[in-house]
Amino acid sequence: MSVPPSPRRRTPAPPREDVLAAAMEMIAERGLEKLTMAALGREVGMSSGHLLYYFHSKDELLLRTLEWSEGRLGAERGRLLTRAAPARERLDAYVDLYVPDGHRDPHWTLWLEVWNRSQNADGDARDRQAAIEGAWHRDLVALLAEGVSRGEFRAVDPDRFAARLRALLDGFSIHVAIGLRGTDRAQILRHVREFLDDSLLADS
């Protein structure tokens, strides 16, 4: 009597967070241009078709990866901003976290790609990008308002000042992320801190 063949065991798909972590690691180690569905599938033991089933498109994969990375940054930002320290010290920590670590910083590389692709994004994707921006903005507004109320900062409008400061940080951060000659992280941080000293510190 012949023995029927045993059924093939299906390899379970890795948790979605593991896929997103692997995508971020690939960007860090090999660059964004090497992140393809096929390459990511090989990394996590899934077919590119299986990945497309979960993420539908590379645009969605990139946005999900960015949201995952932002979640981790958001937790770190919350820890830094809620500690017992002067508002200016926490503002410097916010700036340190915002500015890229250097040329080809993986988080900023991903951000720039998502921004570039957002020209053709649908309303849902744009709303999700706005939510990421909004979290950074709200935390900065709250910190500035606290510093003003305690007399550490001049009586600026926290929302207006936050919008202008983040525009400054974005411009400088793009220079660092793309490796623009003549700019580096340390130089940018000095520029930003001088700006904050000149425009924000309360008069003695």
N, C-alpha and C. Protein backbone atom coordinates (compact mmCIF):
# COMPACT_ATOMS: atom_id res chain seq x y z
N MET A 1 0.85 -1.19 0.00
CA MET A 1 0.00 0.00 0.00
C MET A 1 0.89 1.24 0.00
N SER A 2 0.65 2.10 -0.95
CA SER A 2 1.50 3.29 -1.07
C SER A 2 1.08 4.33 -0.04
N VAL A 3 2.06 5.04 0.45
CA VAL A 3 1.81 6.10 1.44
C VAL A 3 1.60 7.41 0.70
N PRO A 4 0.48 8.06 0.94
CA PRO A 4 0.25 9.34 0.25
C PRO A 4 1.29 10.36 0.64
N PRO A 5 1.67 11.18 -0.30
CA PRO A 5 2.69 12.19 0.02
C PRO A 5 2.18 13.14 1.10
N SER A 6 3.09 13.51 1.97
CA SER A 6 2.71 14.45 3.04
C SER A 6 2.47 15.83 2.44
N PRO A 7 1.49 16.54 2.97
CA PRO A 7 1.23 17.87 2.43
C PRO A 7 2.41 18.80 2.66
N ARG A 8 2.62 19.71 1.69
CA ARG A 8 3.72 20.67 1.80
C ARG A 8 3.40 21.68 2.89
N ARG A 9 4.37 21.91 3.71
CA ARG A 9 4.17 22.89 4.78
C ARG A 9 4.42 24.28 4.23
N ARG A 10 3.51 25.17 4.54
CA ARG A 10 3.66 26.55 4.11
C ARG A 10 4.48 27.31 5.15
N THR A 11 5.47 28.01 4.68
CA THR A 11 6.27 28.82 5.59
C THR A 11 5.48 30.06 5.96
N PRO A 12 5.23 30.27 7.24
CA PRO A 12 4.43 31.44 7.62
C PRO A 12 5.14 32.73 7.26
N ALA A 13 4.36 33.72 6.84
CA ALA A 13 4.94 35.02 6.52
C ALA A 13 5.43 35.69 7.79
N PRO A 14 6.54 36.40 7.72
CA PRO A 14 7.03 37.10 8.91
C PRO A 14 6.07 38.22 9.30
N PRO A 15 6.06 38.60 10.57
CA PRO A 15 5.21 39.73 10.97
C PRO A 15 5.51 40.97 10.13
N ARG A 16 4.48 41.76 9.91
CA ARG A 16 4.65 42.93 9.05
C ARG A 16 5.74 43.86 9.56
N GLU A 17 5.86 44.00 10.88
CA GLU A 17 6.89 44.87 11.43
C GLU A 17 8.28 44.37 11.07
N ASP A 18 8.47 43.05 11.00
CA ASP A 18 9.76 42.50 10.61
C ASP A 18 10.08 42.85 9.16
N VAL A 19 9.07 42.86 8.32
CA VAL A 19 9.27 43.22 6.91
C VAL A 19 9.69 44.68 6.80
N LEU A 20 9.01 45.54 7.55
CA LEU A 20 9.34 46.97 7.52
C LEU A 20 10.74 47.23 8.08
N ALA A 21 11.09 46.53 9.14
CA ALA A 21 12.44 46.67 9.71
C ALA A 21 13.49 46.21 8.71
N ALA A 22 13.20 45.13 7.98
CA ALA A 22 14.14 44.64 6.97
C ALA A 22 14.28 45.64 5.84
N ALA A 23 13.17 46.27 5.44
CA ALA A 23 13.23 47.28 4.38
C ALA A 23 14.11 48.45 4.82
N MET A 24 13.95 48.90 6.06
CA MET A 24 14.75 50.02 6.55
C MET A 24 16.22 49.64 6.63
N GLU A 25 16.49 48.41 7.03
CA GLU A 25 17.88 47.96 7.12
C GLU A 25 18.52 47.89 5.74
N MET A 26 17.75 47.47 4.74
CA MET A 26 18.28 47.43 3.38
C MET A 26 18.61 48.83 2.88
N ILE A 27 17.75 49.80 3.19
CA ILE A 27 18.01 51.18 2.79
C ILE A 27 19.30 51.67 3.45
N ALA A 28 19.47 51.34 4.73
CA ALA A 28 20.66 51.79 5.46
C ALA A 28 21.93 51.16 4.91
N GLU A 29 21.86 49.88 4.56
CA GLU A 29 23.07 49.16 4.17
C GLU A 29 23.38 49.25 2.69
N ARG A 30 22.33 49.31 1.84
CA ARG A 30 22.55 49.21 0.40
C ARG A 30 22.04 50.39 -0.41
N GLY A 31 21.27 51.25 0.23
CA GLY A 31 20.71 52.38 -0.48
C GLY A 31 19.31 52.08 -1.00
N LEU A 32 18.55 53.13 -1.22
CA LEU A 32 17.16 52.98 -1.63
C LEU A 32 17.02 52.31 -2.98
N GLU A 33 17.99 52.54 -3.86
CA GLU A 33 17.89 51.98 -5.21
C GLU A 33 17.95 50.45 -5.21
N LYS A 34 18.48 49.86 -4.15
CA LYS A 34 18.56 48.41 -4.06
C LYS A 34 17.31 47.78 -3.44
N LEU A 35 16.41 48.63 -2.94
CA LEU A 35 15.21 48.11 -2.31
C LEU A 35 14.15 47.85 -3.38
N THR A 36 14.09 46.62 -3.85
CA THR A 36 13.05 46.19 -4.77
C THR A 36 12.20 45.15 -4.06
N MET A 37 11.01 44.91 -4.61
CA MET A 37 10.15 43.89 -4.00
C MET A 37 10.84 42.53 -4.02
N ALA A 38 11.53 42.23 -5.12
CA ALA A 38 12.20 40.94 -5.24
C ALA A 38 13.32 40.81 -4.21
N ALA A 39 14.13 41.89 -4.06
CA ALA A 39 15.25 41.84 -3.12
C ALA A 39 14.74 41.76 -1.69
N LEU A 40 13.71 42.52 -1.37
CA LEU A 40 13.15 42.47 -0.02
C LEU A 40 12.53 41.10 0.24
N GLY A 41 11.88 40.54 -0.76
CA GLY A 41 11.30 39.21 -0.59
C GLY A 41 12.35 38.18 -0.26
N ARG A 42 13.49 38.25 -0.95
CA ARG A 42 14.58 37.30 -0.65
C ARG A 42 15.08 37.50 0.77
N GLU A 43 15.10 38.75 1.22
CA GLU A 43 15.61 39.05 2.56
C GLU A 43 14.72 38.46 3.65
N VAL A 44 13.42 38.47 3.42
CA VAL A 44 12.48 38.03 4.47
C VAL A 44 11.84 36.68 4.17
N GLY A 45 12.24 36.05 3.07
CA GLY A 45 11.71 34.74 2.74
C GLY A 45 10.30 34.76 2.20
N MET A 46 9.99 35.76 1.40
CA MET A 46 8.67 35.88 0.78
C MET A 46 8.85 36.16 -0.70
N SER A 47 7.86 35.81 -1.49
CA SER A 47 7.90 36.16 -2.91
C SER A 47 7.50 37.61 -3.09
N SER A 48 7.91 38.21 -4.20
CA SER A 48 7.51 39.58 -4.47
C SER A 48 6.00 39.69 -4.61
N GLY A 49 5.38 38.63 -5.13
CA GLY A 49 3.93 38.62 -5.25
C GLY A 49 3.24 38.65 -3.90
N HIS A 50 3.84 37.91 -2.95
CA HIS A 50 3.30 37.90 -1.59
C HIS A 50 3.41 39.28 -0.96
N LEU A 51 4.53 39.95 -1.19
CA LEU A 51 4.71 41.30 -0.66
C LEU A 51 3.69 42.26 -1.28
N LEU A 52 3.47 42.11 -2.56
CA LEU A 52 2.48 42.97 -3.23
C LEU A 52 1.08 42.73 -2.70
N TYR A 53 0.80 41.50 -2.29
CA TYR A 53 -0.50 41.18 -1.71
C TYR A 53 -0.71 41.99 -0.43
N TYR A 54 0.37 42.11 0.37
CA TYR A 54 0.27 42.82 1.63
C TYR A 54 0.33 44.34 1.46
N PHE A 55 1.17 44.81 0.53
CA PHE A 55 1.43 46.25 0.44
C PHE A 55 0.85 46.90 -0.83
N HIS A 56 0.46 46.11 -1.80
CA HIS A 56 -0.21 46.59 -3.03
C HIS A 56 0.71 47.33 -4.02
N SER A 57 1.70 48.05 -3.52
CA SER A 57 2.60 48.78 -4.41
C SER A 57 3.87 49.14 -3.65
N LYS A 58 4.90 49.50 -4.40
CA LYS A 58 6.13 49.93 -3.73
C LYS A 58 5.90 51.26 -3.01
N ASP A 59 5.07 52.13 -3.57
CA ASP A 59 4.77 53.39 -2.89
C ASP A 59 4.20 53.13 -1.49
N GLU A 60 3.29 52.16 -1.40
CA GLU A 60 2.68 51.85 -0.11
C GLU A 60 3.70 51.24 0.83
N LEU A 61 4.57 50.38 0.32
CA LEU A 61 5.63 49.80 1.13
C LEU A 61 6.51 50.90 1.72
N LEU A 62 6.91 51.86 0.89
CA LEU A 62 7.77 52.94 1.36
C LEU A 62 7.07 53.79 2.41
N LEU A 63 5.80 54.10 2.19
CA LEU A 63 5.08 54.91 3.16
C LEU A 63 4.89 54.15 4.47
N ARG A 64 4.58 52.86 4.40
CA ARG A 64 4.44 52.06 5.62
C ARG A 64 5.78 52.00 6.38
N THR A 65 6.87 51.85 5.63
CA THR A 65 8.19 51.80 6.27
C THR A 65 8.50 53.13 6.93
N LEU A 66 8.15 54.22 6.27
CA LEU A 66 8.36 55.54 6.86
C LEU A 66 7.52 55.70 8.12
N GLU A 67 6.28 55.28 8.09
CA GLU A 67 5.42 55.38 9.28
C GLU A 67 6.00 54.56 10.43
N TRP A 68 6.53 53.37 10.11
CA TRP A 68 7.14 52.54 11.14
C TRP A 68 8.36 53.23 11.74
N SER A 69 9.21 53.79 10.88
CA SER A 69 10.39 54.50 11.36
C SER A 69 10.01 55.72 12.17
N GLU A 70 8.99 56.44 11.71
CA GLU A 70 8.53 57.63 12.44
C GLU A 70 7.95 57.25 13.81
N GLY A 71 7.33 56.08 13.89
CA GLY A 71 6.83 55.63 15.18
C GLY A 71 7.95 55.47 16.19
N ARG A 72 9.06 54.92 15.73
CA ARG A 72 10.20 54.77 16.63
C ARG A 72 10.79 56.12 17.01
N LEU A 73 10.90 57.03 16.02
CA LEU A 73 11.40 58.36 16.30
C LEU A 73 10.46 59.12 17.24
N GLY A 74 9.16 58.92 17.04
CA GLY A 74 8.18 59.58 17.89
C GLY A 74 8.31 59.16 19.34
N ALA A 75 8.57 57.88 19.57
CA ALA A 75 8.76 57.40 20.94
C ALA A 75 10.01 58.03 21.55
N GLU A 76 11.08 58.11 20.77
CA GLU A 76 12.32 58.73 21.26
C GLU A 76 12.11 60.22 21.50
N ARG A 77 11.37 60.86 20.59
CA ARG A 77 11.10 62.30 20.76
C ARG A 77 10.30 62.54 22.04
N GLY A 78 9.29 61.71 22.27
CA GLY A 78 8.50 61.84 23.49
C GLY A 78 9.33 61.68 24.74
N ARG A 79 10.26 60.74 24.72
CA ARG A 79 11.12 60.53 25.88
C ARG A 79 11.99 61.75 26.13
N LEU A 80 12.55 62.32 25.07
CA LEU A 80 13.43 63.47 25.20
C LEU A 80 12.68 64.71 25.67
N LEU A 81 11.47 64.91 25.18
CA LEU A 81 10.75 66.14 25.45
C LEU A 81 10.02 66.14 26.79
N THR A 82 9.81 64.97 27.38
CA THR A 82 9.09 64.91 28.66
C THR A 82 10.03 64.78 29.86
N ARG A 83 11.33 64.72 29.62
CA ARG A 83 12.25 64.59 30.75
C ARG A 83 12.36 65.91 31.50
N ALA A 84 12.82 65.83 32.72
CA ALA A 84 12.98 67.03 33.54
C ALA A 84 14.25 67.75 33.14
N ALA A 85 14.10 68.81 32.34
CA ALA A 85 15.24 69.58 31.86
C ALA A 85 14.72 70.92 31.37
N PRO A 86 15.58 71.95 31.32
CA PRO A 86 15.14 73.24 30.78
C PRO A 86 14.59 73.09 29.35
N ALA A 87 13.68 73.97 28.99
CA ALA A 87 13.07 73.89 27.66
C ALA A 87 14.11 74.01 26.56
N ARG A 88 15.12 74.86 26.76
CA ARG A 88 16.13 75.03 25.71
C ARG A 88 16.93 73.75 25.52
N GLU A 89 17.24 73.07 26.60
CA GLU A 89 17.98 71.81 26.50
C GLU A 89 17.15 70.78 25.73
N ARG A 90 15.87 70.73 25.99
CA ARG A 90 15.00 69.79 25.27
C ARG A 90 14.81 70.22 23.82
N LEU A 91 14.82 71.53 23.57
CA LEU A 91 14.73 72.00 22.18
C LEU A 91 15.97 71.58 21.39
N ASP A 92 17.14 71.68 22.01
CA ASP A 92 18.36 71.21 21.34
C ASP A 92 18.27 69.71 21.04
N ALA A 93 17.69 68.94 21.96
CA ALA A 93 17.53 67.51 21.74
C ALA A 93 16.57 67.24 20.57
N TYR A 94 15.53 68.05 20.47
CA TYR A 94 14.58 67.94 19.34
C TYR A 94 15.32 68.18 18.02
N VAL A 95 16.13 69.23 17.99
CA VAL A 95 16.89 69.56 16.78
C VAL A 95 17.86 68.43 16.43
N ASP A 96 18.56 67.92 17.45
CA ASP A 96 19.50 66.81 17.23
C ASP A 96 18.80 65.61 16.60
N LEU A 97 17.59 65.32 17.06
CA LEU A 97 16.85 64.18 16.54
C LEU A 97 16.34 64.45 15.13
N TYR A 98 16.03 65.69 14.83
CA TYR A 98 15.45 66.08 13.53
C TYR A 98 16.50 66.01 12.41
N VAL A 99 17.67 66.55 12.67
CA VAL A 99 18.69 66.67 11.63
C VAL A 99 19.30 65.30 11.33
N PRO A 100 19.51 64.98 10.03
CA PRO A 100 20.08 63.67 9.67
C PRO A 100 21.44 63.42 10.30
N ASP A 101 21.76 62.15 10.48
CA ASP A 101 23.07 61.78 11.02
C ASP A 101 24.19 62.11 10.03
N GLY A 102 23.86 62.14 8.75
CA GLY A 102 24.88 62.43 7.74
C GLY A 102 24.35 62.11 6.36
N HIS A 103 25.27 62.10 5.39
CA HIS A 103 24.91 61.79 4.01
C HIS A 103 24.29 60.40 3.92
N ARG A 104 23.16 60.31 3.23
CA ARG A 104 22.44 59.06 3.02
C ARG A 104 21.85 58.49 4.31
N ASP A 105 21.57 59.35 5.27
CA ASP A 105 20.84 58.92 6.45
C ASP A 105 19.60 58.15 5.98
N PRO A 106 19.39 56.91 6.43
CA PRO A 106 18.32 56.08 5.86
C PRO A 106 16.93 56.66 6.05
N HIS A 107 16.67 57.24 7.21
CA HIS A 107 15.33 57.80 7.45
C HIS A 107 15.07 58.97 6.51
N TRP A 108 16.05 59.85 6.37
CA TRP A 108 15.86 60.99 5.49
C TRP A 108 15.87 60.58 4.02
N THR A 109 16.67 59.59 3.67
CA THR A 109 16.64 59.06 2.30
C THR A 109 15.24 58.59 1.96
N LEU A 110 14.62 57.89 2.89
CA LEU A 110 13.27 57.40 2.69
C LEU A 110 12.28 58.55 2.64
N TRP A 111 12.42 59.52 3.53
CA TRP A 111 11.52 60.67 3.55
C TRP A 111 11.55 61.40 2.21
N LEU A 112 12.75 61.64 1.70
CA LEU A 112 12.87 62.37 0.44
C LEU A 112 12.22 61.61 -0.71
N GLU A 113 12.33 60.30 -0.71
CA GLU A 113 11.71 59.49 -1.76
C GLU A 113 10.19 59.54 -1.65
N VAL A 114 9.67 59.45 -0.44
CA VAL A 114 8.22 59.52 -0.26
C VAL A 114 7.70 60.90 -0.66
N TRP A 115 8.43 61.95 -0.29
CA TRP A 115 8.04 63.30 -0.72
C TRP A 115 8.00 63.38 -2.24
N ASN A 116 9.03 62.85 -2.89
CA ASN A 116 9.11 62.90 -4.35
C ASN A 116 7.93 62.18 -4.99
N ARG A 117 7.58 61.02 -4.45
CA ARG A 117 6.48 60.24 -5.01
C ARG A 117 5.12 60.81 -4.66
N SER A 118 5.06 61.72 -3.69
CA SER A 118 3.76 62.22 -3.22
C SER A 118 3.07 63.11 -4.24
N GLN A 119 3.78 63.51 -5.28
CA GLN A 119 3.15 64.32 -6.32
C GLN A 119 1.97 63.61 -6.95
N ASN A 120 2.04 62.30 -7.01
CA ASN A 120 0.96 61.50 -7.60
C ASN A 120 0.21 60.67 -6.57
N ALA A 121 0.40 60.98 -5.28
CA ALA A 121 -0.22 60.19 -4.22
C ALA A 121 -1.70 60.51 -4.11
N ASP A 122 -2.47 59.54 -3.61
CA ASP A 122 -3.90 59.77 -3.40
C ASP A 122 -4.12 60.49 -2.08
N GLY A 123 -5.38 60.80 -1.80
CA GLY A 123 -5.71 61.57 -0.61
C GLY A 123 -5.32 60.88 0.68
N ASP A 124 -5.50 59.56 0.74
CA ASP A 124 -5.16 58.83 1.95
C ASP A 124 -3.67 58.92 2.25
N ALA A 125 -2.83 58.74 1.22
CA ALA A 125 -1.38 58.82 1.42
C ALA A 125 -0.97 60.22 1.87
N ARG A 126 -1.58 61.22 1.28
CA ARG A 126 -1.25 62.60 1.66
C ARG A 126 -1.66 62.88 3.11
N ASP A 127 -2.80 62.35 3.51
CA ASP A 127 -3.25 62.52 4.89
C ASP A 127 -2.28 61.86 5.87
N ARG A 128 -1.77 60.70 5.49
CA ARG A 128 -0.83 59.99 6.37
C ARG A 128 0.50 60.73 6.47
N GLN A 129 0.95 61.30 5.35
CA GLN A 129 2.16 62.11 5.40
C GLN A 129 1.94 63.35 6.27
N ALA A 130 0.78 63.97 6.13
CA ALA A 130 0.47 65.16 6.94
C ALA A 130 0.43 64.80 8.42
N ALA A 131 -0.03 63.60 8.75
CA ALA A 131 -0.06 63.17 10.15
C ALA A 131 1.34 63.07 10.74
N ILE A 132 2.28 62.60 9.93
CA ILE A 132 3.67 62.52 10.39
C ILE A 132 4.21 63.92 10.65
N GLU A 133 4.01 64.82 9.70
CA GLU A 133 4.47 66.20 9.86
C GLU A 133 3.80 66.85 11.06
N GLY A 134 2.50 66.58 11.21
CA GLY A 134 1.75 67.19 12.29
C GLY A 134 2.26 66.80 13.67
N ALA A 135 2.71 65.56 13.82
CA ALA A 135 3.22 65.12 15.12
C ALA A 135 4.47 65.89 15.51
N TRP A 136 5.39 66.07 14.57
CA TRP A 136 6.60 66.85 14.84
C TRP A 136 6.22 68.29 15.19
N HIS A 137 5.26 68.84 14.44
CA HIS A 137 4.88 70.24 14.65
C HIS A 137 4.22 70.43 16.02
N ARG A 138 3.29 69.58 16.37
CA ARG A 138 2.59 69.73 17.65
C ARG A 138 3.54 69.63 18.83
N ASP A 139 4.47 68.70 18.77
CA ASP A 139 5.43 68.56 19.87
C ASP A 139 6.29 69.80 20.00
N LEU A 140 6.70 70.37 18.87
CA LEU A 140 7.52 71.58 18.91
C LEU A 140 6.73 72.77 19.43
N VAL A 141 5.48 72.92 18.99
CA VAL A 141 4.64 74.02 19.48
C VAL A 141 4.47 73.92 20.99
N ALA A 142 4.20 72.72 21.50
CA ALA A 142 4.01 72.54 22.93
C ALA A 142 5.27 72.91 23.71
N LEU A 143 6.42 72.52 23.20
CA LEU A 143 7.68 72.83 23.88
C LEU A 143 7.94 74.33 23.87
N LEU A 144 7.71 74.98 22.75
CA LEU A 144 7.92 76.42 22.67
C LEU A 144 6.97 77.16 23.61
N ALA A 145 5.70 76.72 23.64
CA ALA A 145 4.73 77.36 24.52
C ALA A 145 5.14 77.21 25.98
N GLU A 146 5.66 76.05 26.33
CA GLU A 146 6.13 75.84 27.70
C GLU A 146 7.29 76.77 28.02
N GLY A 147 8.25 76.88 27.10
CA GLY A 147 9.39 77.75 27.32
C GLY A 147 8.99 79.21 27.47
N VAL A 148 8.01 79.65 26.68
CA VAL A 148 7.51 81.02 26.78
C VAL A 148 6.82 81.24 28.13
N SER A 149 5.98 80.29 28.52
CA SER A 149 5.23 80.44 29.77
C SER A 149 6.15 80.48 30.99
N ARG A 150 7.29 79.80 30.89
CA ARG A 150 8.24 79.78 32.01
C ARG A 150 9.24 80.94 31.97
N GLY A 151 9.16 81.75 30.92
CA GLY A 151 10.08 82.87 30.81
C GLY A 151 11.44 82.49 30.26
N GLU A 152 11.61 81.26 29.78
CA GLU A 152 12.90 80.86 29.19
C GLU A 152 13.05 81.42 27.78
N PHE A 153 11.94 81.54 27.08
CA PHE A 153 11.95 82.03 25.70
C PHE A 153 11.22 83.37 25.62
N ARG A 154 11.53 84.12 24.59
CA ARG A 154 10.81 85.35 24.32
C ARG A 154 9.34 85.04 24.02
N ALA A 155 8.52 86.06 24.09
CA ALA A 155 7.08 85.88 23.88
C ALA A 155 6.75 85.77 22.39
N VAL A 156 7.19 84.66 21.78
CA VAL A 156 6.91 84.41 20.37
C VAL A 156 5.58 83.67 20.26
N ASP A 157 5.00 83.70 19.06
CA ASP A 157 3.84 82.87 18.76
C ASP A 157 4.35 81.45 18.51
N PRO A 158 4.05 80.49 19.37
CA PRO A 158 4.65 79.15 19.23
C PRO A 158 4.35 78.48 17.90
N ASP A 159 3.14 78.63 17.38
CA ASP A 159 2.79 77.97 16.12
C ASP A 159 3.55 78.57 14.96
N ARG A 160 3.60 79.89 14.88
CA ARG A 160 4.31 80.56 13.79
C ARG A 160 5.81 80.29 13.87
N PHE A 161 6.37 80.37 15.08
CA PHE A 161 7.80 80.13 15.22
C PHE A 161 8.14 78.68 14.86
N ALA A 162 7.29 77.74 15.28
CA ALA A 162 7.53 76.33 14.96
C ALA A 162 7.52 76.09 13.46
N ALA A 163 6.58 76.71 12.74
CA ALA A 163 6.52 76.55 11.29
C ALA A 163 7.80 77.05 10.63
N ARG A 164 8.29 78.18 11.08
CA ARG A 164 9.51 78.76 10.49
C ARG A 164 10.75 77.95 10.87
N LEU A 165 10.82 77.51 12.12
CA LEU A 165 11.97 76.71 12.54
C LEU A 165 12.01 75.39 11.78
N ARG A 166 10.88 74.74 11.59
CA ARG A 166 10.87 73.47 10.88
C ARG A 166 11.22 73.65 9.41
N ALA A 167 10.84 74.77 8.83
CA ALA A 167 11.24 75.05 7.44
C ALA A 167 12.76 75.19 7.37
N LEU A 168 13.34 75.87 8.35
CA LEU A 168 14.80 76.01 8.41
C LEU A 168 15.46 74.64 8.57
N LEU A 169 14.92 73.83 9.48
CA LEU A 169 15.48 72.50 9.71
C LEU A 169 15.36 71.62 8.47
N ASP A 170 14.22 71.70 7.78
CA ASP A 170 14.05 70.90 6.57
C ASP A 170 15.10 71.27 5.52
N GLY A 171 15.29 72.57 5.30
CA GLY A 171 16.27 72.99 4.30
C GLY A 171 17.67 72.53 4.62
N PHE A 172 18.09 72.75 5.86
CA PHE A 172 19.42 72.32 6.27
C PHE A 172 19.54 70.79 6.22
N SER A 173 18.48 70.09 6.64
CA SER A 173 18.52 68.63 6.68
C SER A 173 18.65 68.03 5.29
N ILE A 174 18.01 68.62 4.32
CA ILE A 174 18.15 68.12 2.94
C ILE A 174 19.59 68.26 2.49
N HIS A 175 20.24 69.38 2.82
CA HIS A 175 21.65 69.58 2.46
C HIS A 175 22.52 68.47 3.05
N VAL A 176 22.26 68.13 4.32
CA VAL A 176 23.05 67.08 4.97
C VAL A 176 22.75 65.72 4.34
N ALA A 177 21.47 65.43 4.12
CA ALA A 177 21.07 64.10 3.64
C ALA A 177 21.61 63.81 2.24
N ILE A 178 21.66 64.83 1.39
CA ILE A 178 22.15 64.59 0.02
C ILE A 178 23.65 64.77 -0.08
N GLY A 179 24.29 65.18 1.02
CA GLY A 179 25.74 65.33 1.02
C GLY A 179 26.22 66.54 0.25
N LEU A 180 25.47 67.65 0.33
CA LEU A 180 25.87 68.87 -0.37
C LEU A 180 27.23 69.33 0.13
N ARG A 181 28.13 69.59 -0.79
CA ARG A 181 29.48 69.98 -0.40
C ARG A 181 29.46 71.28 0.39
N GLY A 182 30.29 71.33 1.41
CA GLY A 182 30.37 72.51 2.24
C GLY A 182 29.41 72.51 3.41
N THR A 183 28.62 71.45 3.55
CA THR A 183 27.71 71.35 4.69
C THR A 183 27.92 70.00 5.38
N ASP A 184 27.83 70.00 6.68
CA ASP A 184 27.84 68.75 7.43
C ASP A 184 26.98 68.94 8.67
N ARG A 185 26.71 67.86 9.34
CA ARG A 185 25.79 67.90 10.49
C ARG A 185 26.25 68.87 11.57
N ALA A 186 27.53 68.83 11.94
CA ALA A 186 28.02 69.69 13.01
C ALA A 186 27.86 71.16 12.64
N GLN A 187 28.14 71.49 11.40
CA GLN A 187 28.02 72.88 10.95
C GLN A 187 26.56 73.34 11.00
N ILE A 188 25.66 72.46 10.54
CA ILE A 188 24.24 72.79 10.54
C ILE A 188 23.73 73.01 11.97
N LEU A 189 24.12 72.14 12.88
CA LEU A 189 23.68 72.29 14.26
C LEU A 189 24.15 73.61 14.87
N ARG A 190 25.36 74.03 14.51
CA ARG A 190 25.85 75.33 15.00
C ARG A 190 24.99 76.47 14.45
N HIS A 191 24.66 76.42 13.16
CA HIS A 191 23.82 77.45 12.56
C HIS A 191 22.46 77.54 13.27
N VAL A 192 21.85 76.37 13.51
CA VAL A 192 20.52 76.36 14.12
C VAL A 192 20.59 76.88 15.55
N ARG A 193 21.59 76.48 16.30
CA ARG A 193 21.68 76.93 17.69
C ARG A 193 21.97 78.43 17.78
N GLU A 194 22.75 78.96 16.84
CA GLU A 194 22.97 80.41 16.81
C GLU A 194 21.66 81.13 16.50
N PHE A 195 20.87 80.58 15.57
CA PHE A 195 19.58 81.16 15.24
C PHE A 195 18.66 81.16 16.46
N LEU A 196 18.64 80.06 17.20
CA LEU A 196 17.80 79.98 18.39
C LEU A 196 18.27 80.96 19.46
N ASP A 197 19.58 81.09 19.63
CA ASP A 197 20.10 82.06 20.60
C ASP A 197 19.66 83.48 20.24
N ASP A 198 19.76 83.81 18.96
CA ASP A 198 19.47 85.19 18.52
C ASP A 198 17.98 85.51 18.55
N SER A 199 17.14 84.51 18.25
CA SER A 199 15.72 84.83 18.04
C SER A 199 14.78 84.36 19.14
N LEU A 200 15.28 83.51 20.04
CA LEU A 200 14.35 82.86 20.97
C LEU A 200 14.68 83.10 22.44
N LEU A 201 15.96 83.19 22.79
CA LEU A 201 16.31 83.30 24.20
C LEU A 201 15.79 84.60 24.79
N ALA A 202 15.22 84.51 25.96
CA ALA A 202 14.65 85.68 26.63
C ALA A 202 15.75 86.67 26.95
N ASP A 203 15.42 87.94 26.84
CA ASP A 203 16.39 88.99 27.20
C ASP A 203 16.71 88.92 28.68
N SER A 204 17.97 89.09 28.99
CA SER A 204 18.36 89.04 30.41
C SER A 204 18.11 90.39 31.07
